[in-house]
Amino acid sequence: MRLLRLPGVYRPRGDTELLRQALCAVSVPPGARMLDVCTGTGLIALTGARLGAAEVHAVDISARAVLTARCNGWLHRAPVRAHRADLLPRAAGRFDLVTANPPYVPYVPSCGRGGTRRTRTVDAGPDGRRYLDRLCEAAPRLLAPDGVLLVVHSALCGTERTVELLHKAGLKAAVVARRVQPFGSVLHERAAWLEEQGLITPAERRSAHDELVVIRGDLPTR
């Protein structure tokens, strides 16, 4: 799919592709209402529209990402409405499908690694869960009955915690996709600090590979 991308907007990578594959495996009901959180270029939002979603809201805190997603929606003549928001949307109502690729790389300003303009699209607090926990807590308010949430993140943020939080929020939750890939430049730069914090083992630092997961949450009809 041809995409425009302004400088500073998160480039689709392995996590984006894993989420896209998981989305393609979901049965999107015709006329579905979809929300794509931390949309970046809008690739996942566009994929949802191609799969049958009739109304797609794409949100991102980056003004450049919002403009990029709008341009890509126009380029592909897709029903994508991009909004600027800090994680959660201003759009009213609930959604049949919610997708999310939020920042998830652990970072503390005092660690002296990262925190630059280049890394702000991935920085997510000391345990990488600054946005993930908020998303899990908000999921029941975002989803329509029988709605589906798909969220991708690194296993070093705590796969079990995401599943547990979604269960506590009243969703059925499970890992539906996994992918192991080499560290990107940010994880390479922070590998020593991650090991010091106990977020990766010495063996994981030597192998320099990260596991990505897609977790699906389903909100049952009450």
Protein backbone atom coordinates (compact mmCIF):
# COMPACT_ATOMS: atom_id res chain seq x y z
CA MET A 1 0.00 0.00 0.00
CA ARG A 2 1.44 3.35 -1.02
CA LEU A 3 1.77 5.70 1.97
CA LEU A 4 2.87 9.25 2.51
CA ARG A 5 4.89 9.94 5.68
CA LEU A 6 5.92 13.29 7.07
CA PRO A 7 9.28 13.53 8.91
CA GLY A 8 8.96 12.49 12.56
CA VAL A 9 5.95 10.24 12.00
CA TYR A 10 6.38 6.65 13.19
CA ARG A 11 7.43 4.50 10.26
CA PRO A 12 5.53 1.19 9.87
CA ARG A 13 7.78 -1.56 11.25
CA GLY A 14 7.51 -5.15 12.42
CA ASP A 15 4.96 -4.30 15.11
CA THR A 16 2.76 -2.54 12.55
CA GLU A 17 2.90 -5.53 10.23
CA LEU A 18 2.11 -7.98 13.04
CA LEU A 19 -0.92 -5.90 14.02
CA ARG A 20 -2.00 -5.66 10.39
CA GLN A 21 -1.86 -9.44 10.03
CA ALA A 22 -3.88 -9.91 13.21
CA LEU A 23 -6.45 -7.41 11.96
CA CYS A 24 -6.76 -9.25 8.65
CA ALA A 25 -7.59 -12.41 10.61
CA VAL A 26 -10.56 -10.69 12.31
CA SER A 27 -14.00 -10.87 10.76
CA VAL A 28 -14.86 -7.18 10.39
CA PRO A 29 -18.65 -6.84 10.15
CA PRO A 30 -19.87 -4.70 7.22
CA GLY A 31 -20.52 -1.17 8.37
CA ALA A 32 -18.36 -1.57 11.48
CA ARG A 33 -17.21 1.45 13.45
CA MET A 34 -13.45 1.34 14.08
CA LEU A 35 -10.93 3.25 16.20
CA ASP A 36 -7.18 3.15 15.53
CA VAL A 37 -5.15 4.46 18.49
CA CYS A 38 -1.66 5.91 17.89
CA THR A 39 -2.29 5.69 14.17
CA GLY A 40 1.04 7.02 12.83
CA THR A 41 0.74 6.92 9.04
CA GLY A 42 -2.78 5.50 9.26
CA LEU A 43 -1.84 2.13 7.74
CA ILE A 44 -3.90 0.10 10.23
CA ALA A 45 -6.86 2.47 9.88
CA LEU A 46 -6.70 2.10 6.09
CA THR A 47 -6.50 -1.68 6.42
CA GLY A 48 -9.65 -1.68 8.57
CA ALA A 49 -11.47 0.39 5.96
CA ARG A 50 -10.41 -2.03 3.23
CA LEU A 51 -11.73 -4.93 5.33
CA GLY A 52 -15.19 -3.38 5.55
CA ALA A 53 -15.24 -0.81 8.35
CA ALA A 54 -17.55 2.00 7.26
CA GLU A 55 -16.41 4.61 9.77
CA VAL A 56 -12.79 4.73 10.94
CA HIS A 57 -11.47 7.18 13.53
CA ALA A 58 -7.67 7.45 13.75
CA VAL A 59 -6.08 9.26 16.69
CA ASP A 60 -2.54 10.33 17.46
CA ILE A 61 -0.93 12.90 19.75
CA SER A 62 1.37 14.00 16.91
CA ALA A 63 -0.03 16.75 14.68
CA ARG A 64 2.20 15.49 11.87
CA ALA A 65 0.81 11.97 12.24
CA VAL A 66 -2.75 13.29 12.11
CA LEU A 67 -1.99 15.22 8.92
CA THR A 68 -0.25 12.17 7.46
CA ALA A 69 -3.19 9.88 8.24
CA ARG A 70 -5.62 12.39 6.74
CA CYS A 71 -3.56 12.62 3.56
CA ASN A 72 -3.31 8.84 3.27
CA GLY A 73 -7.05 8.47 3.85
CA TRP A 74 -7.68 10.96 1.06
CA LEU A 75 -5.10 9.28 -1.20
CA HIS A 76 -6.85 5.92 -0.84
CA ARG A 77 -10.39 7.34 -0.74
CA ALA A 78 -10.98 5.62 2.59
CA PRO A 79 -13.51 6.65 5.29
CA VAL A 80 -10.76 7.62 7.74
CA ARG A 81 -11.22 10.59 10.08
CA ALA A 82 -7.98 11.54 11.83
CA HIS A 83 -8.05 13.43 15.14
CA ARG A 84 -5.33 14.74 17.43
CA ALA A 85 -5.71 13.29 20.93
CA ASP A 86 -3.60 12.04 23.83
CA LEU A 87 -4.26 8.32 23.34
CA LEU A 88 -8.05 8.30 23.76
CA PRO A 89 -10.46 9.75 21.19
CA ARG A 90 -12.88 12.63 21.40
CA ALA A 91 -15.29 10.82 19.06
CA ALA A 92 -18.55 9.95 20.76
CA GLY A 93 -19.97 6.46 21.03
CA ARG A 94 -18.46 3.01 21.08
CA PHE A 95 -16.57 1.02 18.49
CA ASP A 96 -16.93 -2.47 17.05
CA LEU A 97 -13.17 -2.66 16.57
CA VAL A 98 -10.28 -0.92 18.34
CA THR A 99 -6.66 -1.31 17.24
CA ALA A 100 -3.62 0.14 18.97
CA ASN A 101 0.14 0.32 18.50
CA PRO A 102 1.02 2.60 21.42
CA PRO A 103 4.53 3.58 22.54
CA TYR A 104 5.91 0.71 24.66
CA VAL A 105 9.71 1.10 25.00
CA PRO A 106 10.78 1.61 28.64
CA TYR A 107 12.49 4.91 29.31
CA VAL A 108 13.36 7.09 32.30
CA PRO A 109 14.83 10.55 31.59
CA SER A 110 17.54 10.03 34.19
CA CYS A 111 18.85 6.93 32.42
CA GLY A 112 20.53 9.20 29.87
CA ARG A 113 19.57 7.05 26.90
CA GLY A 114 16.95 8.20 24.46
CA GLY A 115 14.21 10.72 25.13
CA THR A 116 15.08 12.59 21.95
CA ARG A 117 12.79 13.81 19.18
CA ARG A 118 13.70 10.60 17.36
CA THR A 119 12.43 8.37 20.17
CA ARG A 120 9.37 10.21 21.45
CA THR A 121 7.11 7.99 19.32
CA VAL A 122 8.24 4.94 21.33
CA ASP A 123 9.06 6.18 24.88
CA ALA A 124 6.58 4.84 27.45
CA GLY A 125 7.83 5.34 31.00
CA PRO A 126 10.01 3.17 33.26
CA ASP A 127 8.17 -0.10 32.56
CA GLY A 128 6.90 0.68 29.07
CA ARG A 129 3.27 0.68 30.22
CA ARG A 130 2.44 4.40 30.43
CA TYR A 131 -0.10 4.06 27.62
CA LEU A 132 -0.87 0.35 27.74
CA ASP A 133 -2.39 0.50 31.23
CA ARG A 134 -4.59 3.44 30.27
CA LEU A 135 -5.78 1.64 27.17
CA CYS A 136 -6.64 -1.54 29.10
CA GLU A 137 -8.60 0.45 31.68
CA ALA A 138 -10.52 2.34 28.99
CA ALA A 139 -11.31 -0.68 26.80
CA PRO A 140 -14.80 -1.43 28.21
CA ARG A 141 -15.83 2.19 27.59
CA LEU A 142 -14.50 2.17 24.04
CA LEU A 143 -15.95 -1.12 22.82
CA ALA A 144 -19.49 -1.87 21.74
CA PRO A 145 -20.97 -5.23 22.87
CA ASP A 146 -19.11 -8.03 21.07
CA GLY A 147 -16.43 -5.47 20.16
CA VAL A 148 -12.81 -6.49 19.59
CA LEU A 149 -9.59 -4.85 20.78
CA LEU A 150 -6.24 -5.64 19.16
CA VAL A 151 -3.11 -4.18 20.78
CA VAL A 152 0.52 -4.83 19.88
CA HIS A 153 3.52 -4.34 22.15
CA SER A 154 6.83 -5.86 23.22
CA ALA A 155 6.80 -8.80 25.60
CA LEU A 156 9.32 -6.97 27.79
CA CYS A 157 6.42 -4.71 28.90
CA GLY A 158 4.60 -7.68 30.42
CA THR A 159 2.33 -9.74 28.21
CA GLU A 160 0.66 -11.34 31.22
CA ARG A 161 -0.09 -7.93 32.74
CA THR A 162 -1.96 -6.79 29.64
CA VAL A 163 -4.03 -9.98 29.59
CA GLU A 164 -4.71 -9.69 33.33
CA LEU A 165 -5.80 -6.04 33.11
CA LEU A 166 -8.15 -6.79 30.23
CA HIS A 167 -9.64 -9.68 32.19
CA LYS A 168 -10.17 -7.38 35.16
CA ALA A 169 -11.88 -4.91 32.85
CA GLY A 170 -14.37 -7.58 31.84
CA LEU A 171 -12.90 -8.67 28.51
CA LYS A 172 -11.91 -12.10 27.30
CA ALA A 173 -8.23 -11.74 26.40
CA ALA A 174 -5.49 -13.84 24.85
CA VAL A 175 -2.32 -13.56 22.76
CA VAL A 176 -3.24 -14.15 19.11
CA ALA A 177 0.08 -13.42 17.36
CA ARG A 178 3.79 -13.39 18.16
CA ARG A 179 6.91 -12.34 16.32
CA VAL A 180 10.60 -12.40 17.29
CA GLN A 181 12.77 -9.80 15.63
CA PRO A 182 16.20 -8.19 16.12
CA PHE A 183 16.48 -5.17 18.39
CA GLY A 184 15.92 -1.88 16.64
CA SER A 185 18.26 1.05 17.17
CA VAL A 186 16.45 2.31 20.30
CA LEU A 187 16.59 -1.05 22.10
CA HIS A 188 20.24 -1.42 21.15
CA GLU A 189 20.99 1.98 22.69
CA ARG A 190 19.13 1.10 25.89
CA ALA A 191 20.14 -2.56 26.21
CA ALA A 192 22.55 -2.00 29.11
CA TRP A 193 19.99 0.06 31.03
CA LEU A 194 17.23 -2.48 30.33
CA GLU A 195 19.46 -5.21 31.74
CA GLU A 196 20.25 -3.10 34.82
CA GLN A 197 16.52 -2.67 35.43
CA GLY A 198 15.88 -6.39 35.09
CA LEU A 199 13.69 -5.90 32.03
CA ILE A 200 15.91 -8.16 29.94
CA THR A 201 18.34 -10.91 30.95
CA PRO A 202 22.03 -10.97 30.01
CA ALA A 203 21.22 -13.74 27.53
CA GLU A 204 18.49 -11.63 25.95
CA ARG A 205 20.88 -8.71 25.69
CA ARG A 206 23.44 -10.90 23.94
CA SER A 207 20.89 -12.33 21.51
CA ALA A 208 19.53 -8.80 20.84
CA HIS A 209 16.11 -10.09 19.86
CA ASP A 210 12.71 -8.85 21.03
CA GLU A 211 9.38 -10.67 21.06
CA LEU A 212 6.33 -8.75 19.89
CA VAL A 213 2.82 -9.86 20.78
CA VAL A 214 -0.69 -8.97 19.65
CA ILE A 215 -3.28 -9.36 22.38
CA ARG A 216 -6.95 -9.62 21.52
CA GLY A 217 -9.66 -8.58 23.92
CA ASP A 218 -13.35 -9.32 23.34
CA LEU A 219 -16.12 -7.52 25.19
CA PRO A 220 -18.96 -10.00 25.74
CA THR A 221 -22.58 -9.03 25.25
CA ARG A 222 -23.97 -8.34 28.70
